[in-house]
Amino acid sequence: MSLRVTFLGTGGAVPTTERAPSAIFVNREGDRLLFDCGEGTQREMMRAGTGFGIDHLFVSHLHGDHVLGIPGLVQTLGFNDRTDPLRVHCPPGTGDDLHDLVHAVGHQPGFPVRIEEVGPGDVALSADGYEVRAFETTHRTVSQGYVLEEADRPGRFDRPRAEELGVPVGPAFGRLHSGESVELEDGTVVESDQVVGPPRPGRKLVYTADTRPRERTVEVAEDADLLVHDATFADDMADRAR
C-alpha cells in the first residue's frame, strides 16, 4: 500500500523563490489529503504533479501562511468543474472565519465546501484502513496538529511457499492473504498462517504545524514513521524564539 507525502510548501510565513508557505499533500492509496494551504498552493500542486483532486483539507490554525491559499484553491477546483464536496477540518471556534475565507470577494463555490470543526482527541476522518485524529498544540492562537494512523496490515504473502504447497495461482492467493483457509483439489487444506507472515503495524504520520514545545506533541509522535514538525528558529536564535 502506498503512502506518499509531498511537501508543497515549507517556507512558513516568509516564502522565498524556492519555498512556498505551508502545505503538505498526502496520497494514501488514492485518498488525497491536504494539510494546511498557504498562498499559491494550487500552483505548487501543478509543479509537483499531485493534481487538484483533494478529498479533505486539514487546517492547523488560521494564520495567513497556513490558510491564505484556500480561496485560490477553491476557485481553481471550481474552474476544473469539480462537483464532489470538499471537507475542510479545522480547530474549534474557527469555522465561521474559514467560511468567510472560502467566500472571499463574494465568491460562491460551485460545489459543496463542508467546514467541520474538530477538537483535540476527536477523529476528523475515519476511512478504510486508517483514521486522522486531531491533537492540541500550543501557539499564539487556537491550533492543533493531526496524526494519520493506519490499522495493522496483513503479513507478507509467501508466494513461493504457497506454490510449493500446491495452491493454484489466482483467487486462492487473495483468500489466504485475507486470513481464510483454502482446500485443494486433493482435499488438502492450506491454512493462512502457513503462507502469511505476522501482521505488520500500520504506518503513522504526525503533522504538528506551528507549536511551542509541549509534552502532548512528544506523546503523539511516539513511534511515528514520519514527523512533520515546524522549525522556524534554529538553536542559535533561541532567545528570539522565546
C-alpha atoms as a PDB file:
ATOM      1  CA  MET A   1       0.000   0.000   0.000  1.00  0.00           C
ATOM      2  CA  SER A   2       1.391   3.371  -0.970  1.00  0.00           C
ATOM      3  CA  LEU A   3       1.598   6.352   1.360  1.00  0.00           C
ATOM      4  CA  ARG A   4       3.205   9.283  -0.444  1.00  0.00           C
ATOM      5  CA  VAL A   5       3.918  12.649   1.183  1.00  0.00           C
ATOM      6  CA  THR A   6       4.690  15.690  -0.993  1.00  0.00           C
ATOM      7  CA  PHE A   7       5.989  18.892   0.572  1.00  0.00           C
ATOM      8  CA  LEU A   8       4.292  21.656  -1.405  1.00  0.00           C
ATOM      9  CA  GLY A   9       5.316  24.443   0.967  1.00  0.00           C
ATOM     10  CA  THR A  10       7.824  24.634   3.825  1.00  0.00           C
ATOM     11  CA  GLY A  11       8.617  28.348   3.884  1.00  0.00           C
ATOM     12  CA  GLY A  12       6.404  29.332   6.792  1.00  0.00           C
ATOM     13  CA  ALA A  13       5.451  32.993   6.998  1.00  0.00           C
ATOM     14  CA  VAL A  14       8.417  34.080   4.857  1.00  0.00           C
ATOM     15  CA  PRO A  15       8.157  32.493   1.390  1.00  0.00           C
ATOM     16  CA  THR A  16      11.222  32.501  -0.838  1.00  0.00           C
ATOM     17  CA  THR A  17      11.754  31.882  -4.535  1.00  0.00           C
ATOM     18  CA  GLU A  18      12.296  28.209  -3.681  1.00  0.00           C
ATOM     19  CA  ARG A  19       9.907  27.686  -0.744  1.00  0.00           C
ATOM     20  CA  ALA A  20       6.173  28.343  -0.670  1.00  0.00           C
ATOM     21  CA  PRO A  21       4.143  28.763   2.548  1.00  0.00           C
ATOM     22  CA  SER A  22       2.906  25.727   4.435  1.00  0.00           C
ATOM     23  CA  ALA A  23       1.145  22.911   2.575  1.00  0.00           C
ATOM     24  CA  ILE A  24       1.621  19.141   2.810  1.00  0.00           C
ATOM     25  CA  PHE A  25      -0.040  16.763   0.319  1.00  0.00           C
ATOM     26  CA  VAL A  26      -0.627  13.130   1.305  1.00  0.00           C
ATOM     27  CA  ASN A  27      -1.776  10.408  -1.083  1.00  0.00           C
ATOM     28  CA  ARG A  28      -2.792   7.269   0.778  1.00  0.00           C
ATOM     29  CA  GLU A  29      -3.892   4.595  -1.693  1.00  0.00           C
ATOM     30  CA  GLY A  30      -5.698   7.200  -3.796  1.00  0.00           C
ATOM     31  CA  ASP A  31      -7.171   9.135  -0.860  1.00  0.00           C
ATOM     32  CA  ARG A  32      -5.783  12.652  -1.321  1.00  0.00           C
ATOM     33  CA  LEU A  33      -5.379  14.773   1.790  1.00  0.00           C
ATOM     34  CA  LEU A  34      -4.008  18.296   2.189  1.00  0.00           C
ATOM     35  CA  PHE A  35      -2.631  19.602   5.469  1.00  0.00           C
ATOM     36  CA  ASP A  36      -2.754  23.426   5.528  1.00  0.00           C
ATOM     37  CA  CYS A  37      -2.934  25.574   2.424  1.00  0.00           C
ATOM     38  CA  GLY A  38      -0.631  28.579   2.165  1.00  0.00           C
ATOM     39  CA  GLU A  39      -0.647  31.082  -0.701  1.00  0.00           C
ATOM     40  CA  GLY A  40      -0.221  29.606  -4.168  1.00  0.00           C
ATOM     41  CA  THR A  41      -0.775  26.006  -3.128  1.00  0.00           C
ATOM     42  CA  GLN A  42      -2.569  25.191  -6.372  1.00  0.00           C
ATOM     43  CA  ARG A  43       0.496  26.367  -8.327  1.00  0.00           C
ATOM     44  CA  GLU A  44       2.746  24.134  -6.225  1.00  0.00           C
ATOM     45  CA  MET A  45       0.367  21.245  -6.935  1.00  0.00           C
ATOM     46  CA  MET A  46       0.977  21.767 -10.642  1.00  0.00           C
ATOM     47  CA  ARG A  47       4.736  21.908 -10.111  1.00  0.00           C
ATOM     48  CA  ALA A  48       4.714  18.685  -8.080  1.00  0.00           C
ATOM     49  CA  GLY A  49       2.199  16.886 -10.291  1.00  0.00           C
ATOM     50  CA  THR A  50      -0.107  15.933  -7.435  1.00  0.00           C
ATOM     51  CA  GLY A  51      -3.278  17.059  -9.185  1.00  0.00           C
ATOM     52  CA  PHE A  52      -6.029  19.144  -7.612  1.00  0.00           C
ATOM     53  CA  GLY A  53      -8.385  16.345  -6.622  1.00  0.00           C
ATOM     54  CA  ILE A  54      -8.098  16.540  -2.851  1.00  0.00           C
ATOM     55  CA  ASP A  55     -10.825  14.969  -0.726  1.00  0.00           C
ATOM     56  CA  HIS A  56     -10.033  16.542   2.654  1.00  0.00           C
ATOM     57  CA  LEU A  57      -8.235  19.664   3.877  1.00  0.00           C
ATOM     58  CA  PHE A  58      -6.958  19.742   7.457  1.00  0.00           C
ATOM     59  CA  VAL A  59      -6.299  23.227   8.832  1.00  0.00           C
ATOM     60  CA  SER A  60      -3.970  23.582  11.816  1.00  0.00           C
ATOM     61  CA  HIS A  61      -4.715  27.246  12.636  1.00  0.00           C
ATOM     62  CA  LEU A  62      -5.790  30.480  10.999  1.00  0.00           C
ATOM     63  CA  HIS A  63      -2.510  32.298  10.493  1.00  0.00           C
ATOM     64  CA  GLY A  64      -2.153  33.545   6.933  1.00  0.00           C
ATOM     65  CA  ASP A  65       0.735  31.336   5.855  1.00  0.00           C
ATOM     66  CA  HIS A  66      -1.427  28.293   6.576  1.00  0.00           C
ATOM     67  CA  VAL A  67      -4.769  29.341   5.076  1.00  0.00           C
ATOM     68  CA  LEU A  68      -4.472  32.174   2.544  1.00  0.00           C
ATOM     69  CA  GLY A  69      -4.215  29.685  -0.310  1.00  0.00           C
ATOM     70  CA  ILE A  70      -7.702  28.318   0.376  1.00  0.00           C
ATOM     71  CA  PRO A  71      -9.702  30.879  -1.671  1.00  0.00           C
ATOM     72  CA  GLY A  72      -7.473  30.424  -4.710  1.00  0.00           C
ATOM     73  CA  LEU A  73      -7.519  26.641  -4.454  1.00  0.00           C
ATOM     74  CA  VAL A  74     -11.309  26.540  -4.114  1.00  0.00           C
ATOM     75  CA  GLN A  75     -11.704  28.749  -7.182  1.00  0.00           C
ATOM     76  CA  THR A  76      -9.226  26.621  -9.144  1.00  0.00           C
ATOM     77  CA  LEU A  77     -11.208  23.498  -8.233  1.00  0.00           C
ATOM     78  CA  GLY A  78     -14.331  25.234  -9.500  1.00  0.00           C
ATOM     79  CA  PHE A  79     -12.655  26.164 -12.782  1.00  0.00           C
ATOM     80  CA  ASN A  80     -11.926  22.444 -13.215  1.00  0.00           C
ATOM     81  CA  ASP A  81     -15.659  21.657 -12.995  1.00  0.00           C
ATOM     82  CA  ARG A  82     -15.493  19.972  -9.626  1.00  0.00           C
ATOM     83  CA  THR A  83     -18.801  18.715  -8.268  1.00  0.00           C
ATOM     84  CA  ASP A  84     -17.674  16.495  -5.375  1.00  0.00           C
ATOM     85  CA  PRO A  85     -17.787  18.038  -1.879  1.00  0.00           C
ATOM     86  CA  LEU A  86     -14.611  19.276  -0.229  1.00  0.00           C
ATOM     87  CA  ARG A  87     -14.426  18.664   3.511  1.00  0.00           C
ATOM     88  CA  VAL A  88     -12.391  21.182   5.498  1.00  0.00           C
ATOM     89  CA  HIS A  89     -11.455  20.174   9.057  1.00  0.00           C
ATOM     90  CA  CYS A  90     -10.433  22.948  11.453  1.00  0.00           C
ATOM     91  CA  PRO A  91      -9.928  23.754  15.167  1.00  0.00           C
ATOM     92  CA  PRO A  92     -12.909  24.594  17.381  1.00  0.00           C
ATOM     93  CA  GLY A  93     -14.212  28.144  17.019  1.00  0.00           C
ATOM     94  CA  THR A  94     -12.619  28.775  13.612  1.00  0.00           C
ATOM     95  CA  GLY A  95     -15.372  27.551  11.290  1.00  0.00           C
ATOM     96  CA  ASP A  96     -17.065  30.919  10.736  1.00  0.00           C
ATOM     97  CA  ASP A  97     -13.804  32.647   9.819  1.00  0.00           C
ATOM     98  CA  LEU A  98     -12.935  29.837   7.407  1.00  0.00           C
ATOM     99  CA  HIS A  99     -16.374  30.146   5.827  1.00  0.00           C
ATOM    100  CA  ASP A 100     -15.706  33.842   5.219  1.00  0.00           C
ATOM    101  CA  LEU A 101     -12.314  32.997   3.727  1.00  0.00           C
ATOM    102  CA  VAL A 102     -13.756  30.425   1.331  1.00  0.00           C
ATOM    103  CA  HIS A 103     -16.273  33.047   0.175  1.00  0.00           C
ATOM    104  CA  ALA A 104     -13.698  35.854  -0.100  1.00  0.00           C
ATOM    105  CA  VAL A 105     -14.541  38.674  -2.546  1.00  0.00           C
ATOM    106  CA  GLY A 106     -18.078  37.323  -2.798  1.00  0.00           C
ATOM    107  CA  HIS A 107     -17.097  34.045  -4.430  1.00  0.00           C
ATOM    108  CA  GLN A 108     -19.734  31.288  -4.341  1.00  0.00           C
ATOM    109  CA  PRO A 109     -18.166  27.853  -4.909  1.00  0.00           C
ATOM    110  CA  GLY A 110     -19.895  25.710  -7.490  1.00  0.00           C
ATOM    111  CA  PHE A 111     -19.532  22.615  -5.333  1.00  0.00           C
ATOM    112  CA  PRO A 112     -20.191  21.932  -1.620  1.00  0.00           C
ATOM    113  CA  VAL A 113     -17.485  23.070   0.808  1.00  0.00           C
ATOM    114  CA  ARG A 114     -18.221  21.458   4.167  1.00  0.00           C
ATOM    115  CA  ILE A 115     -16.376  23.072   7.062  1.00  0.00           C
ATOM    116  CA  GLU A 116     -16.217  20.822  10.110  1.00  0.00           C
ATOM    117  CA  GLU A 117     -14.763  21.862  13.457  1.00  0.00           C
ATOM    118  CA  VAL A 118     -12.921  19.056  15.209  1.00  0.00           C
ATOM    119  CA  GLY A 119     -11.426  19.202  18.692  1.00  0.00           C
ATOM    120  CA  PRO A 120      -8.247  17.666  20.104  1.00  0.00           C
ATOM    121  CA  GLY A 121      -8.652  13.925  20.527  1.00  0.00           C
ATOM    122  CA  ASP A 122     -11.507  13.734  18.027  1.00  0.00           C
ATOM    123  CA  VAL A 123     -11.385  11.621  14.884  1.00  0.00           C
ATOM    124  CA  ALA A 124     -11.583  14.027  11.953  1.00  0.00           C
ATOM    125  CA  LEU A 125     -11.626  11.289   9.321  1.00  0.00           C
ATOM    126  CA  SER A 126     -12.361   7.582   9.635  1.00  0.00           C
ATOM    127  CA  ALA A 127     -11.588   5.760   6.397  1.00  0.00           C
ATOM    128  CA  ASP A 128     -10.885   2.248   5.181  1.00  0.00           C
ATOM    129  CA  GLY A 129      -7.738   1.123   6.965  1.00  0.00           C
ATOM    130  CA  TYR A 130      -6.789   4.393   8.660  1.00  0.00           C
ATOM    131  CA  GLU A 131      -8.013   7.439  10.548  1.00  0.00           C
ATOM    132  CA  VAL A 132      -6.934  11.041  11.079  1.00  0.00           C
ATOM    133  CA  ARG A 133      -7.141  12.480  14.608  1.00  0.00           C
ATOM    134  CA  ALA A 134      -6.544  15.980  15.915  1.00  0.00           C
ATOM    135  CA  PHE A 135      -4.329  16.820  18.882  1.00  0.00           C
ATOM    136  CA  GLU A 136      -3.770  20.092  20.702  1.00  0.00           C
ATOM    137  CA  THR A 137      -0.697  22.219  20.066  1.00  0.00           C
ATOM    138  CA  THR A 138       0.403  25.487  21.683  1.00  0.00           C
ATOM    139  CA  HIS A 139       0.688  28.574  19.501  1.00  0.00           C
ATOM    140  CA  ARG A 140      -0.280  32.254  19.580  1.00  0.00           C
ATOM    141  CA  THR A 141      -3.801  31.291  18.539  1.00  0.00           C
ATOM    142  CA  VAL A 142      -6.004  28.213  18.779  1.00  0.00           C
ATOM    143  CA  SER A 143      -4.119  25.487  16.955  1.00  0.00           C
ATOM    144  CA  GLN A 144      -3.808  21.761  16.564  1.00  0.00           C
ATOM    145  CA  GLY A 145      -1.879  19.085  14.773  1.00  0.00           C
ATOM    146  CA  TYR A 146      -3.061  15.906  13.098  1.00  0.00           C
ATOM    147  CA  VAL A 147      -1.984  12.278  13.202  1.00  0.00           C
ATOM    148  CA  LEU A 148      -2.750   9.853  10.379  1.00  0.00           C
ATOM    149  CA  GLU A 149      -2.554   6.297  11.704  1.00  0.00           C
ATOM    150  CA  GLU A 150      -3.205   3.086   9.847  1.00  0.00           C
ATOM    151  CA  ALA A 151      -4.671  -0.110  11.258  1.00  0.00           C
ATOM    152  CA  ASP A 152      -2.402  -3.149  11.337  1.00  0.00           C
ATOM    153  CA  ARG A 153      -1.778  -4.565   7.886  1.00  0.00           C
ATOM    154  CA  PRO A 154      -1.779  -8.263   6.894  1.00  0.00           C
ATOM    155  CA  GLY A 155       1.575 -10.009   6.978  1.00  0.00           C
ATOM    156  CA  ARG A 156       3.585 -10.574   3.830  1.00  0.00           C
ATOM    157  CA  PHE A 157       2.331 -13.303   1.493  1.00  0.00           C
ATOM    158  CA  ASP A 158       4.892 -16.044   0.772  1.00  0.00           C
ATOM    159  CA  ARG A 159       4.078 -16.924  -2.822  1.00  0.00           C
ATOM    160  CA  PRO A 160       6.872 -19.483  -3.311  1.00  0.00           C
ATOM    161  CA  ARG A 161       5.691 -21.359  -0.214  1.00  0.00           C
ATOM    162  CA  ALA A 162       2.066 -21.275  -1.415  1.00  0.00           C
ATOM    163  CA  GLU A 163       3.049 -22.698  -4.800  1.00  0.00           C
ATOM    164  CA  GLU A 164       5.177 -25.314  -3.063  1.00  0.00           C
ATOM    165  CA  LEU A 165       2.089 -26.397  -1.089  1.00  0.00           C
ATOM    166  CA  GLY A 166       0.159 -26.752  -4.343  1.00  0.00           C
ATOM    167  CA  VAL A 167      -2.035 -23.639  -4.132  1.00  0.00           C
ATOM    168  CA  PRO A 168      -3.044 -22.653  -7.691  1.00  0.00           C
ATOM    169  CA  VAL A 169      -2.202 -19.140  -8.807  1.00  0.00           C
ATOM    170  CA  GLY A 170      -5.316 -16.963  -8.688  1.00  0.00           C
ATOM    171  CA  PRO A 171      -8.105 -16.059  -6.256  1.00  0.00           C
ATOM    172  CA  ALA A 172      -6.909 -18.590  -3.674  1.00  0.00           C
ATOM    173  CA  PHE A 173      -3.872 -16.396  -3.042  1.00  0.00           C
ATOM    174  CA  GLY A 174      -6.097 -13.481  -2.060  1.00  0.00           C
ATOM    175  CA  ARG A 175      -8.240 -15.642   0.200  1.00  0.00           C
ATOM    176  CA  LEU A 176      -5.191 -16.931   2.038  1.00  0.00           C
ATOM    177  CA  HIS A 177      -3.778 -13.427   2.388  1.00  0.00           C
ATOM    178  CA  SER A 178      -7.071 -12.232   3.900  1.00  0.00           C
ATOM    179  CA  GLY A 179      -6.949 -14.954   6.572  1.00  0.00           C
ATOM    180  CA  GLU A 180      -9.094 -17.693   5.024  1.00  0.00           C
ATOM    181  CA  SER A 181      -8.081 -21.322   4.566  1.00  0.00           C
ATOM    182  CA  VAL A 182      -8.117 -22.959   1.127  1.00  0.00           C
ATOM    183  CA  GLU A 183      -8.987 -26.564   0.257  1.00  0.00           C
ATOM    184  CA  LEU A 184      -7.055 -28.021  -2.687  1.00  0.00           C
ATOM    185  CA  GLU A 185      -8.438 -30.492  -5.243  1.00  0.00           C
ATOM    186  CA  ASP A 186      -6.892 -33.446  -3.387  1.00  0.00           C
ATOM    187  CA  GLY A 187      -8.633 -32.412  -0.171  1.00  0.00           C
ATOM    188  CA  THR A 188      -5.573 -30.885   1.464  1.00  0.00           C
ATOM    189  CA  VAL A 189      -6.356 -27.759   3.492  1.00  0.00           C
ATOM    190  CA  VAL A 190      -3.831 -24.923   3.454  1.00  0.00           C
ATOM    191  CA  GLU A 191      -4.147 -22.528   6.377  1.00  0.00           C
ATOM    192  CA  SER A 192      -3.471 -18.820   6.056  1.00  0.00           C
ATOM    193  CA  ASP A 193      -0.708 -18.813   8.656  1.00  0.00           C
ATOM    194  CA  GLN A 194       1.247 -21.329   6.561  1.00  0.00           C
ATOM    195  CA  VAL A 195       1.853 -18.744   3.839  1.00  0.00           C
ATOM    196  CA  VAL A 196       1.247 -15.371   5.511  1.00  0.00           C
ATOM    197  CA  GLY A 197       3.667 -13.758   7.938  1.00  0.00           C
ATOM    198  CA  PRO A 198       2.722 -11.994  11.183  1.00  0.00           C
ATOM    199  CA  PRO A 199       0.646  -8.783  10.960  1.00  0.00           C
ATOM    200  CA  ARG A 200       2.620  -5.646  10.194  1.00  0.00           C
ATOM    201  CA  PRO A 201       1.966  -2.484  12.192  1.00  0.00           C
ATOM    202  CA  GLY A 202       0.269   0.293  10.255  1.00  0.00           C
ATOM    203  CA  ARG A 203       2.194   3.432   9.403  1.00  0.00           C
ATOM    204  CA  LYS A 204       1.897   6.651  11.372  1.00  0.00           C
ATOM    205  CA  LEU A 205       2.287  10.216  10.094  1.00  0.00           C
ATOM    206  CA  VAL A 206       2.234  13.166  12.504  1.00  0.00           C
ATOM    207  CA  TYR A 207       1.866  16.803  11.397  1.00  0.00           C
ATOM    208  CA  THR A 208       2.285  19.396  14.146  1.00  0.00           C
ATOM    209  CA  ALA A 209       2.345  22.685  12.213  1.00  0.00           C
ATOM    210  CA  ASP A 210       3.466  25.620  14.420  1.00  0.00           C
ATOM    211  CA  THR A 211       3.768  24.821  18.120  1.00  0.00           C
ATOM    212  CA  ARG A 212       5.773  25.613  21.193  1.00  0.00           C
ATOM    213  CA  PRO A 213       7.356  22.604  22.921  1.00  0.00           C
ATOM    214  CA  ARG A 214       4.802  20.531  24.803  1.00  0.00           C
ATOM    215  CA  GLU A 215       4.642  17.013  26.156  1.00  0.00           C
ATOM    216  CA  ARG A 216       1.498  16.110  24.222  1.00  0.00           C
ATOM    217  CA  THR A 217       3.358  16.505  20.941  1.00  0.00           C
ATOM    218  CA  VAL A 218       6.041  14.116  22.172  1.00  0.00           C
ATOM    219  CA  GLU A 219       3.415  11.565  23.208  1.00  0.00           C
ATOM    220  CA  VAL A 220       1.534  11.720  19.907  1.00  0.00           C
ATOM    221  CA  ALA A 221       4.727  11.492  17.858  1.00  0.00           C
ATOM    222  CA  GLU A 222       5.967   8.350  19.613  1.00  0.00           C
ATOM    223  CA  ASP A 223       6.702   5.559  17.110  1.00  0.00           C
ATOM    224  CA  ALA A 224       5.765   7.791  14.169  1.00  0.00           C
ATOM    225  CA  ASP A 225       7.159   6.736  10.804  1.00  0.00           C
ATOM    226  CA  LEU A 226       7.228  10.402   9.783  1.00  0.00           C
ATOM    227  CA  LEU A 227       7.006  13.530  11.925  1.00  0.00           C
ATOM    228  CA  VAL A 228       6.479  16.810  10.057  1.00  0.00           C
ATOM    229  CA  HIS A 229       7.403  19.431  12.629  1.00  0.00           C
ATOM    230  CA  ASP A 230       7.813  23.187  12.305  1.00  0.00           C
ATOM    231  CA  ALA A 231      11.291  24.571  12.932  1.00  0.00           C
ATOM    232  CA  THR A 232      11.206  28.340  12.472  1.00  0.00           C
ATOM    233  CA  PHE A 233      14.181  29.132  14.706  1.00  0.00           C
ATOM    234  CA  ALA A 234      17.477  27.273  14.943  1.00  0.00           C
ATOM    235  CA  ASP A 235      19.208  26.837  18.318  1.00  0.00           C
ATOM    236  CA  ASP A 236      21.296  29.990  17.851  1.00  0.00           C
ATOM    237  CA  MET A 237      18.035  32.025  17.794  1.00  0.00           C
ATOM    238  CA  ALA A 238      16.560  30.512  20.963  1.00  0.00           C
ATOM    239  CA  ASP A 239      16.270  33.888  22.733  1.00  0.00           C
ATOM    240  CA  ARG A 240      14.243  35.370  19.877  1.00  0.00           C
ATOM    241  CA  ALA A 241      12.081  32.248  19.748  1.00  0.00           C
ATOM    242  CA  ARG A 242      11.192  32.653  23.429  1.00  0.00           C
END
